[in-house]
Amino acid sequence: MKKLIVMMLLAVMAFTTTQTFAQTKKDGSKDMRYKKNKQPMKKDGTPDKRFKTNKPAAKKPATAKMAPAVKKAA
């Protein structure tokens, strides 16, 4: 009897935890309230690189540092 109760509790806990992390609506479409679902994707599921949010961060060009002025000996 104890095993049955424990198994039922585990089943209920497993069901409730999977339902809280789902990021889809009841009809199966993406829930756009989540940041992960807002990224534009291609049909195959890869990020679409045409959009700024999916492009890799551009490297900043190195600025030329000016050398300190050297005083001439008189």
C-alpha atoms as a PDB file:
ATOM      1  CA  MET A   1       0.000   0.000   0.000  1.00  0.00           C
ATOM      2  CA  LYS A   2       2.854   2.376   0.839  1.00  0.00           C
ATOM      3  CA  LYS A   3       4.501   1.668  -2.504  1.00  0.00           C
ATOM      4  CA  LEU A   4       1.301   2.532  -4.341  1.00  0.00           C
ATOM      5  CA  ILE A   5       0.938   5.842  -2.528  1.00  0.00           C
ATOM      6  CA  VAL A   6       4.588   6.744  -3.132  1.00  0.00           C
ATOM      7  CA  MET A   7       4.295   5.867  -6.824  1.00  0.00           C
ATOM      8  CA  MET A   8       1.164   7.991  -7.178  1.00  0.00           C
ATOM      9  CA  LEU A   9       2.820  10.944  -5.448  1.00  0.00           C
ATOM     10  CA  LEU A  10       5.850  10.663  -7.720  1.00  0.00           C
ATOM     11  CA  ALA A  11       3.607  10.543 -10.786  1.00  0.00           C
ATOM     12  CA  VAL A  12       1.720  13.658  -9.676  1.00  0.00           C
ATOM     13  CA  MET A  13       4.951  15.504  -8.928  1.00  0.00           C
ATOM     14  CA  ALA A  14       6.456  14.559 -12.300  1.00  0.00           C
ATOM     15  CA  PHE A  15       3.326  15.682 -14.142  1.00  0.00           C
ATOM     16  CA  THR A  16       3.118  19.051 -12.382  1.00  0.00           C
ATOM     17  CA  THR A  17       6.794  19.900 -12.868  1.00  0.00           C
ATOM     18  CA  THR A  18       6.684  19.200 -16.605  1.00  0.00           C
ATOM     19  CA  GLN A  19       3.590  21.351 -17.005  1.00  0.00           C
ATOM     20  CA  THR A  20       5.137  24.376 -15.282  1.00  0.00           C
ATOM     21  CA  PHE A  21       8.158  24.506 -17.618  1.00  0.00           C
ATOM     22  CA  ALA A  22       6.211  24.160 -20.869  1.00  0.00           C
ATOM     23  CA  GLN A  23       6.642  27.187 -23.144  1.00  0.00           C
ATOM     24  CA  THR A  24       3.776  26.458 -25.490  1.00  0.00           C
ATOM     25  CA  LYS A  25       0.113  27.373 -25.448  1.00  0.00           C
ATOM     26  CA  LYS A  26      -2.687  24.837 -25.156  1.00  0.00           C
ATOM     27  CA  ASP A  27      -3.012  24.680 -28.948  1.00  0.00           C
ATOM     28  CA  GLY A  28       0.691  23.756 -29.304  1.00  0.00           C
ATOM     29  CA  SER A  29       1.965  27.048 -30.731  1.00  0.00           C
ATOM     30  CA  LYS A  30       4.875  28.932 -29.161  1.00  0.00           C
ATOM     31  CA  ASP A  31       4.111  31.212 -26.228  1.00  0.00           C
ATOM     32  CA  MET A  32       5.653  34.536 -27.248  1.00  0.00           C
ATOM     33  CA  ARG A  33       5.908  35.809 -23.654  1.00  0.00           C
ATOM     34  CA  TYR A  34       9.181  33.904 -23.319  1.00  0.00           C
ATOM     35  CA  LYS A  35      12.442  35.364 -24.668  1.00  0.00           C
ATOM     36  CA  LYS A  36      13.515  32.033 -26.134  1.00  0.00           C
ATOM     37  CA  ASN A  37      10.454  31.934 -28.393  1.00  0.00           C
ATOM     38  CA  LYS A  38      10.877  35.499 -29.673  1.00  0.00           C
ATOM     39  CA  GLN A  39      13.958  34.712 -31.763  1.00  0.00           C
ATOM     40  CA  PRO A  40      13.176  34.429 -35.481  1.00  0.00           C
ATOM     41  CA  MET A  41      13.846  30.879 -36.649  1.00  0.00           C
ATOM     42  CA  LYS A  42      13.973  29.120 -39.997  1.00  0.00           C
ATOM     43  CA  LYS A  43      11.694  26.194 -40.769  1.00  0.00           C
ATOM     44  CA  ASP A  44      14.474  23.746 -39.874  1.00  0.00           C
ATOM     45  CA  GLY A  45      14.790  25.276 -36.374  1.00  0.00           C
ATOM     46  CA  THR A  46      18.092  27.117 -36.802  1.00  0.00           C
ATOM     47  CA  PRO A  47      18.344  30.841 -36.006  1.00  0.00           C
ATOM     48  CA  ASP A  48      17.700  33.133 -38.970  1.00  0.00           C
ATOM     49  CA  LYS A  49      20.870  35.207 -39.434  1.00  0.00           C
ATOM     50  CA  ARG A  50      19.020  37.972 -41.318  1.00  0.00           C
ATOM     51  CA  PHE A  51      17.854  39.385 -37.997  1.00  0.00           C
ATOM     52  CA  LYS A  52      20.101  41.405 -35.699  1.00  0.00           C
ATOM     53  CA  THR A  53      19.189  39.396 -32.600  1.00  0.00           C
ATOM     54  CA  ASN A  54      20.600  36.205 -34.140  1.00  0.00           C
ATOM     55  CA  LYS A  55      23.830  37.621 -35.561  1.00  0.00           C
ATOM     56  CA  PRO A  56      27.077  37.064 -33.648  1.00  0.00           C
ATOM     57  CA  ALA A  57      28.419  40.106 -31.829  1.00  0.00           C
ATOM     58  CA  ALA A  58      30.648  42.200 -34.069  1.00  0.00           C
ATOM     59  CA  LYS A  59      34.189  42.821 -32.915  1.00  0.00           C
ATOM     60  CA  LYS A  60      34.952  46.417 -32.096  1.00  0.00           C
ATOM     61  CA  PRO A  61      37.834  47.898 -34.106  1.00  0.00           C
ATOM     62  CA  ALA A  62      40.959  48.564 -32.092  1.00  0.00           C
ATOM     63  CA  THR A  63      41.515  52.273 -31.592  1.00  0.00           C
ATOM     64  CA  ALA A  64      44.965  53.642 -32.298  1.00  0.00           C
ATOM     65  CA  LYS A  65      46.505  54.798 -29.055  1.00  0.00           C
ATOM     66  CA  MET A  66      48.565  57.916 -29.241  1.00  0.00           C
ATOM     67  CA  ALA A  67      52.099  57.656 -27.966  1.00  0.00           C
ATOM     68  CA  PRO A  68      52.928  60.051 -25.132  1.00  0.00           C
ATOM     69  CA  ALA A  69      54.701  63.208 -26.233  1.00  0.00           C
ATOM     70  CA  VAL A  70      58.460  63.023 -25.790  1.00  0.00           C
ATOM     71  CA  LYS A  71      60.226  66.194 -24.712  1.00  0.00           C
ATOM     72  CA  LYS A  72      63.255  67.127 -26.763  1.00  0.00           C
ATOM     73  CA  ALA A  73      66.426  67.943 -24.936  1.00  0.00           C
ATOM     74  CA  ALA A  74      67.612  71.487 -25.628  1.00  0.00           C
END
